Every structure is written in structure tokens, then in C-alpha cells.
Amino acid sequence: MAQLQVQQKKSSIGCKANQRETLRSLGLKRIGDVVVKEDRPEIRGMVHTVRHLVTVQVIDGVIGEDESK
């Protein structure tokens, strides 16, 4: 399953309240924080809401995941 690596690049100061809440929901608290989330429509929607504050990379596999499943 693909995953998304989301990194906060800009501050949420001066942003709308829903954008600040979306960053917190993603687990981002400060500039430079990085989280890895599953690539699901809900997460993509949250990333789209704060796309001007974050950078996103797609990770194809998980290290240590058993490939024989």
C-alpha cells in the first residue's frame, strides 16, 4: 500500500482556523515536522486543504513489510 510523507514547510500563523486544525489532525505541530500517513482519499483531502503549507512525497512500500502476503 502506498503511503504519503507529509512535511510542514510553512507556519500556520495567519491561516484560517480550519487549516490550523487540519495540520494538527495530520499530526503536524511545527515547521519541519514529518509524518507518514496511508494514501487514502481522506488524507489526500486534508493535504489538499493545507497544500500551501506542506510538501508531499509518495512512498511506494513500507520497509520491513512482508512481500509474500
PDB file of N, CA and C in Angstrom:
ATOM      1  N   MET A   1       0.845  -1.188   0.000  1.00  0.00           N
ATOM      2  CA  MET A   1       0.000   0.000   0.000  1.00  0.00           C
ATOM      3  C   MET A   1       0.882   1.239   0.000  1.00  0.00           C
ATOM      4  N   ALA A   2       0.557   2.160  -0.841  1.00  0.00           N
ATOM      5  CA  ALA A   2       1.325   3.400  -0.911  1.00  0.00           C
ATOM      6  C   ALA A   2       1.057   4.256   0.319  1.00  0.00           C
ATOM      7  N   GLN A   3       2.039   5.064   0.660  1.00  0.00           N
ATOM      8  CA  GLN A   3       1.900   5.968   1.791  1.00  0.00           C
ATOM      9  C   GLN A   3       2.344   7.355   1.361  1.00  0.00           C
ATOM     10  N   LEU A   4       1.923   8.347   2.120  1.00  0.00           N
ATOM     11  CA  LEU A   4       2.288   9.730   1.858  1.00  0.00           C
ATOM     12  C   LEU A   4       3.168  10.239   2.990  1.00  0.00           C
ATOM     13  N   GLN A   5       4.285  10.848   2.614  1.00  0.00           N
ATOM     14  CA  GLN A   5       5.140  11.506   3.598  1.00  0.00           C
ATOM     15  C   GLN A   5       4.833  12.995   3.504  1.00  0.00           C
ATOM     16  N   VAL A   6       4.322  13.560   4.583  1.00  0.00           N
ATOM     17  CA  VAL A   6       3.897  14.955   4.603  1.00  0.00           C
ATOM     18  C   VAL A   6       4.819  15.721   5.535  1.00  0.00           C
ATOM     19  N   GLN A   7       5.387  16.828   5.046  1.00  0.00           N
ATOM     20  CA  GLN A   7       6.282  17.652   5.849  1.00  0.00           C
ATOM     21  C   GLN A   7       5.757  19.077   5.863  1.00  0.00           C
ATOM     22  N   GLN A   8       5.678  19.664   7.062  1.00  0.00           N
ATOM     23  CA  GLN A   8       5.230  21.047   7.176  1.00  0.00           C
ATOM     24  C   GLN A   8       6.377  21.967   6.799  1.00  0.00           C
ATOM     25  N   LYS A   9       6.132  22.878   5.856  1.00  0.00           N
ATOM     26  CA  LYS A   9       7.168  23.784   5.370  1.00  0.00           C
ATOM     27  C   LYS A   9       6.951  25.225   5.801  1.00  0.00           C
ATOM     28  N   LYS A  10       5.700  25.607   6.070  1.00  0.00           N
ATOM     29  CA  LYS A  10       5.398  26.987   6.452  1.00  0.00           C
ATOM     30  C   LYS A  10       4.581  26.998   7.734  1.00  0.00           C
ATOM     31  N   SER A  11       4.595  28.132   8.398  1.00  0.00           N
ATOM     32  CA  SER A  11       3.875  28.295   9.657  1.00  0.00           C
ATOM     33  C   SER A  11       2.379  28.442   9.408  1.00  0.00           C
ATOM     34  N   SER A  12       1.593  28.059  10.416  1.00  0.00           N
ATOM     35  CA  SER A  12       0.149  28.210  10.323  1.00  0.00           C
ATOM     36  C   SER A  12      -0.321  29.546  10.897  1.00  0.00           C
ATOM     37  N   ILE A  13       0.603  30.381  11.343  1.00  0.00           N
ATOM     38  CA  ILE A  13       0.238  31.693  11.871  1.00  0.00           C
ATOM     39  C   ILE A  13      -0.373  32.519  10.740  1.00  0.00           C
ATOM     40  N   GLY A  14      -1.506  33.092  10.993  1.00  0.00           N
ATOM     41  CA  GLY A  14      -2.184  33.908   9.999  1.00  0.00           C
ATOM     42  C   GLY A  14      -3.104  33.117   9.076  1.00  0.00           C
ATOM     43  N   CYS A  15      -3.135  31.810   9.232  1.00  0.00           N
ATOM     44  CA  CYS A  15      -4.010  30.965   8.414  1.00  0.00           C
ATOM     45  C   CYS A  15      -5.380  30.868   9.068  1.00  0.00           C
ATOM     46  N   LYS A  16      -6.340  30.382   8.294  1.00  0.00           N
ATOM     47  CA  LYS A  16      -7.680  30.180   8.824  1.00  0.00           C
ATOM     48  C   LYS A  16      -7.656  29.056   9.861  1.00  0.00           C
ATOM     49  N   ALA A  17      -8.643  29.088  10.747  1.00  0.00           N
ATOM     50  CA  ALA A  17      -8.708  28.118  11.845  1.00  0.00           C
ATOM     51  C   ALA A  17      -8.824  26.693  11.321  1.00  0.00           C
ATOM     52  N   ASN A  18      -9.590  26.486  10.245  1.00  0.00           N
ATOM     53  CA  ASN A  18      -9.746  25.116   9.741  1.00  0.00           C
ATOM     54  C   ASN A  18      -8.428  24.576   9.186  1.00  0.00           C
ATOM     55  N   GLN A  19      -7.567  25.442   8.667  1.00  0.00           N
ATOM     56  CA  GLN A  19      -6.266  24.997   8.171  1.00  0.00           C
ATOM     57  C   GLN A  19      -5.353  24.620   9.333  1.00  0.00           C
ATOM     58  N   ARG A  20      -5.387  25.387  10.419  1.00  0.00           N
ATOM     59  CA  ARG A  20      -4.599  25.042  11.606  1.00  0.00           C
ATOM     60  C   ARG A  20      -5.067  23.709  12.190  1.00  0.00           C
ATOM     61  N   GLU A  21      -6.374  23.516  12.237  1.00  0.00           N
ATOM     62  CA  GLU A  21      -6.925  22.271  12.763  1.00  0.00           C
ATOM     63  C   GLU A  21      -6.569  21.077  11.875  1.00  0.00           C
ATOM     64  N   THR A  22      -6.527  21.304  10.569  1.00  0.00           N
ATOM     65  CA  THR A  22      -6.158  20.230   9.640  1.00  0.00           C
ATOM     66  C   THR A  22      -4.708  19.824   9.846  1.00  0.00           C
ATOM     67  N   LEU A  23      -3.816  20.797  10.045  1.00  0.00           N
ATOM     68  CA  LEU A  23      -2.410  20.470  10.320  1.00  0.00           C
ATOM     69  C   LEU A  23      -2.301  19.627  11.585  1.00  0.00           C
ATOM     70  N   ARG A  24      -3.033  19.992  12.627  1.00  0.00           N
ATOM     71  CA  ARG A  24      -2.985  19.229  13.874  1.00  0.00           C
ATOM     72  C   ARG A  24      -3.555  17.828  13.677  1.00  0.00           C
ATOM     73  N   SER A  25      -4.609  17.712  12.853  1.00  0.00           N
ATOM     74  CA  SER A  25      -5.198  16.402  12.580  1.00  0.00           C
ATOM     75  C   SER A  25      -4.223  15.497  11.841  1.00  0.00           C
ATOM     76  N   LEU A  26      -3.384  16.091  11.016  1.00  0.00           N
ATOM     77  CA  LEU A  26      -2.359  15.327  10.307  1.00  0.00           C
ATOM     78  C   LEU A  26      -1.198  14.961  11.233  1.00  0.00           C
ATOM     79  N   GLY A  27      -1.111  15.598  12.399  1.00  0.00           N
ATOM     80  CA  GLY A  27      -0.032  15.314  13.338  1.00  0.00           C
ATOM     81  C   GLY A  27       1.144  16.254  13.189  1.00  0.00           C
ATOM     82  N   LEU A  28       0.931  17.387  12.519  1.00  0.00           N
ATOM     83  CA  LEU A  28       1.999  18.362  12.301  1.00  0.00           C
ATOM     84  C   LEU A  28       1.839  19.497  13.299  1.00  0.00           C
ATOM     85  N   LYS A  29       2.894  19.746  14.085  1.00  0.00           N
ATOM     86  CA  LYS A  29       2.824  20.773  15.124  1.00  0.00           C
ATOM     87  C   LYS A  29       3.715  21.972  14.836  1.00  0.00           C
ATOM     88  N   ARG A  30       4.814  21.742  14.119  1.00  0.00           N
ATOM     89  CA  ARG A  30       5.751  22.847  13.880  1.00  0.00           C
ATOM     90  C   ARG A  30       6.440  22.652  12.533  1.00  0.00           C
ATOM     91  N   ILE A  31       7.082  23.688  12.072  1.00  0.00           N
ATOM     92  CA  ILE A  31       7.791  23.640  10.795  1.00  0.00           C
ATOM     93  C   ILE A  31       8.869  22.561  10.869  1.00  0.00           C
ATOM     94  N   GLY A  32       8.930  21.741   9.835  1.00  0.00           N
ATOM     95  CA  GLY A  32       9.922  20.678   9.776  1.00  0.00           C
ATOM     96  C   GLY A  32       9.402  19.329  10.232  1.00  0.00           C
ATOM     97  N   ASP A  33       8.252  19.295  10.878  1.00  0.00           N
ATOM     98  CA  ASP A  33       7.676  18.015  11.300  1.00  0.00           C
ATOM     99  C   ASP A  33       7.328  17.162  10.084  1.00  0.00           C
ATOM    100  N   VAL A  34       7.559  15.858  10.194  1.00  0.00           N
ATOM    101  CA  VAL A  34       7.272  14.916   9.118  1.00  0.00           C
ATOM    102  C   VAL A  34       6.409  13.791   9.666  1.00  0.00           C
ATOM    103  N   VAL A  35       5.350  13.454   8.939  1.00  0.00           N
ATOM    104  CA  VAL A  35       4.511  12.316   9.292  1.00  0.00           C
ATOM    105  C   VAL A  35       4.311  11.454   8.056  1.00  0.00           C
ATOM    106  N   VAL A  36       4.088  10.168   8.275  1.00  0.00           N
ATOM    107  CA  VAL A  36       3.799   9.239   7.183  1.00  0.00           C
ATOM    108  C   VAL A  36       2.391   8.717   7.408  1.00  0.00           C
ATOM    109  N   LYS A  37       1.546   8.915   6.416  1.00  0.00           N
ATOM    110  CA  LYS A  37       0.139   8.510   6.501  1.00  0.00           C
ATOM    111  C   LYS A  37      -0.190   7.599   5.328  1.00  0.00           C
ATOM    112  N   GLU A  38      -1.222   6.759   5.507  1.00  0.00           N
ATOM    113  CA  GLU A  38      -1.685   5.917   4.408  1.00  0.00           C
ATOM    114  C   GLU A  38      -2.276   6.796   3.317  1.00  0.00           C
ATOM    115  N   ASP A  39      -2.113   6.364   2.076  1.00  0.00           N
ATOM    116  CA  ASP A  39      -2.635   7.112   0.934  1.00  0.00           C
ATOM    117  C   ASP A  39      -4.115   6.775   0.772  1.00  0.00           C
ATOM    118  N   ARG A  40      -4.957   7.574   1.433  1.00  0.00           N
ATOM    119  CA  ARG A  40      -6.402   7.393   1.367  1.00  0.00           C
ATOM    120  C   ARG A  40      -7.038   8.709   0.949  1.00  0.00           C
ATOM    121  N   PRO A  41      -8.249   8.664   0.428  1.00  0.00           N
ATOM    122  CA  PRO A  41      -8.915   9.898  -0.016  1.00  0.00           C
ATOM    123  C   PRO A  41      -9.068  10.933   1.105  1.00  0.00           C
ATOM    124  N   GLU A  42      -9.300  10.478   2.345  1.00  0.00           N
ATOM    125  CA  GLU A  42      -9.475  11.413   3.454  1.00  0.00           C
ATOM    126  C   GLU A  42      -8.184  12.190   3.710  1.00  0.00           C
ATOM    127  N   ILE A  43      -7.070  11.482   3.675  1.00  0.00           N
ATOM    128  CA  ILE A  43      -5.770  12.117   3.917  1.00  0.00           C
ATOM    129  C   ILE A  43      -5.431  13.054   2.767  1.00  0.00           C
ATOM    130  N   ARG A  44      -5.702  12.621   1.539  1.00  0.00           N
ATOM    131  CA  ARG A  44      -5.447  13.486   0.375  1.00  0.00           C
ATOM    132  C   ARG A  44      -6.262  14.769   0.463  1.00  0.00           C
ATOM    133  N   GLY A  45      -7.486  14.680   0.959  1.00  0.00           N
ATOM    134  CA  GLY A  45      -8.320  15.870   1.128  1.00  0.00           C
ATOM    135  C   GLY A  45      -7.744  16.824   2.151  1.00  0.00           C
ATOM    136  N   MET A  46      -7.237  16.273   3.252  1.00  0.00           N
ATOM    137  CA  MET A  46      -6.614  17.118   4.269  1.00  0.00           C
ATOM    138  C   MET A  46      -5.360  17.788   3.730  1.00  0.00           C
ATOM    139  N   VAL A  47      -4.557  17.030   2.977  1.00  0.00           N
ATOM    140  CA  VAL A  47      -3.340  17.592   2.394  1.00  0.00           C
ATOM    141  C   VAL A  47      -3.703  18.690   1.396  1.00  0.00           C
ATOM    142  N   HIS A  48      -4.781  18.485   0.646  1.00  0.00           N
ATOM    143  CA  HIS A  48      -5.211  19.494  -0.325  1.00  0.00           C
ATOM    144  C   HIS A  48      -5.602  20.795   0.376  1.00  0.00           C
ATOM    145  N   THR A  49      -6.199  20.688   1.560  1.00  0.00           N
ATOM    146  CA  THR A  49      -6.617  21.867   2.319  1.00  0.00           C
ATOM    147  C   THR A  49      -5.422  22.723   2.730  1.00  0.00           C
ATOM    148  N   VAL A  50      -4.296  22.085   3.036  1.00  0.00           N
ATOM    149  CA  VAL A  50      -3.116  22.828   3.508  1.00  0.00           C
ATOM    150  C   VAL A  50      -1.950  22.695   2.533  1.00  0.00           C
ATOM    151  N   ARG A  51      -2.243  22.531   1.250  1.00  0.00           N
ATOM    152  CA  ARG A  51      -1.203  22.279   0.250  1.00  0.00           C
ATOM    153  C   ARG A  51      -0.169  23.404   0.157  1.00  0.00           C
ATOM    154  N   HIS A  52      -0.526  24.618   0.554  1.00  0.00           N
ATOM    155  CA  HIS A  52       0.421  25.730   0.513  1.00  0.00           C
ATOM    156  C   HIS A  52       1.351  25.752   1.730  1.00  0.00           C
ATOM    157  N   LEU A  53       1.091  24.887   2.707  1.00  0.00           N
ATOM    158  CA  LEU A  53       1.900  24.845   3.924  1.00  0.00           C
ATOM    159  C   LEU A  53       2.782  23.598   4.022  1.00  0.00           C
ATOM    160  N   VAL A  54       2.549  22.605   3.165  1.00  0.00           N
ATOM    161  CA  VAL A  54       3.237  21.318   3.288  1.00  0.00           C
ATOM    162  C   VAL A  54       3.822  20.886   1.950  1.00  0.00           C
ATOM    163  N   THR A  55       4.743  19.906   2.035  1.00  0.00           N
ATOM    164  CA  THR A  55       5.215  19.199   0.845  1.00  0.00           C
ATOM    165  C   THR A  55       4.868  17.724   1.038  1.00  0.00           C
ATOM    166  N   VAL A  56       4.610  17.046  -0.077  1.00  0.00           N
ATOM    167  CA  VAL A  56       4.153  15.660  -0.019  1.00  0.00           C
ATOM    168  C   VAL A  56       4.994  14.808  -0.953  1.00  0.00           C
ATOM    169  N   GLN A  57       5.385  13.630  -0.471  1.00  0.00           N
ATOM    170  CA  GLN A  57       6.064  12.635  -1.293  1.00  0.00           C
ATOM    171  C   GLN A  57       5.317  11.321  -1.154  1.00  0.00           C
ATOM    172  N   VAL A  58       5.229  10.587  -2.257  1.00  0.00           N
ATOM    173  CA  VAL A  58       4.576   9.285  -2.243  1.00  0.00           C
ATOM    174  C   VAL A  58       5.626   8.217  -1.987  1.00  0.00           C
ATOM    175  N   ILE A  59       5.368   7.358  -1.001  1.00  0.00           N
ATOM    176  CA  ILE A  59       6.262   6.250  -0.671  1.00  0.00           C
ATOM    177  C   ILE A  59       5.556   4.981  -1.112  1.00  0.00           C
ATOM    178  N   ASP A  60       6.211   4.186  -1.977  1.00  0.00           N
ATOM    179  CA  ASP A  60       5.559   3.018  -2.565  1.00  0.00           C
ATOM    180  C   ASP A  60       5.425   1.839  -1.617  1.00  0.00           C
ATOM    181  N   GLY A  61       6.392   1.588  -0.793  1.00  0.00           N
ATOM    182  CA  GLY A  61       6.330   0.422   0.082  1.00  0.00           C
ATOM    183  C   GLY A  61       6.756   0.765   1.480  1.00  0.00           C
ATOM    184  N   VAL A  62       6.516  -0.149   2.388  1.00  0.00           N
ATOM    185  CA  VAL A  62       6.914   0.037   3.776  1.00  0.00           C
ATOM    186  C   VAL A  62       8.130  -0.843   4.038  1.00  0.00           C
ATOM    187  N   ILE A  63       9.164  -0.301   4.637  1.00  0.00           N
ATOM    188  CA  ILE A  63      10.360  -1.049   4.949  1.00  0.00           C
ATOM    189  C   ILE A  63      10.015  -2.124   5.978  1.00  0.00           C
ATOM    190  N   GLY A  64      10.410  -3.351   5.707  1.00  0.00           N
ATOM    191  CA  GLY A  64      10.165  -4.435   6.639  1.00  0.00           C
ATOM    192  C   GLY A  64       8.828  -5.131   6.422  1.00  0.00           C
ATOM    193  N   GLU A  65       8.052  -4.682   5.478  1.00  0.00           N
ATOM    194  CA  GLU A  65       6.756  -5.309   5.211  1.00  0.00           C
ATOM    195  C   GLU A  65       6.984  -6.621   4.489  1.00  0.00           C
ATOM    196  N   ASP A  66       6.257  -7.644   4.878  1.00  0.00           N
ATOM    197  CA  ASP A  66       6.403  -8.964   4.255  1.00  0.00           C
ATOM    198  C   ASP A  66       5.759  -8.935   2.875  1.00  0.00           C
ATOM    199  N   GLU A  67       6.560  -9.156   1.831  1.00  0.00           N
ATOM    200  CA  GLU A  67       6.088  -9.078   0.452  1.00  0.00           C
ATOM    201  C   GLU A  67       5.368 -10.333   0.001  1.00  0.00           C
ATOM    202  N   SER A  68       5.411 -11.422   0.792  1.00  0.00           N
ATOM    203  CA  SER A  68       4.831 -12.685   0.368  1.00  0.00           C
ATOM    204  C   SER A  68       3.342 -12.795   0.668  1.00  0.00           C
ATOM    205  N   LYS A  69       2.745 -11.781   1.243  1.00  0.00           N
ATOM    206  CA  LYS A  69       1.312 -11.835   1.584  1.00  0.00           C
ATOM    207  C   LYS A  69       0.443 -11.830   0.362  1.00  0.00           C
TER     208      LYS A  69
END
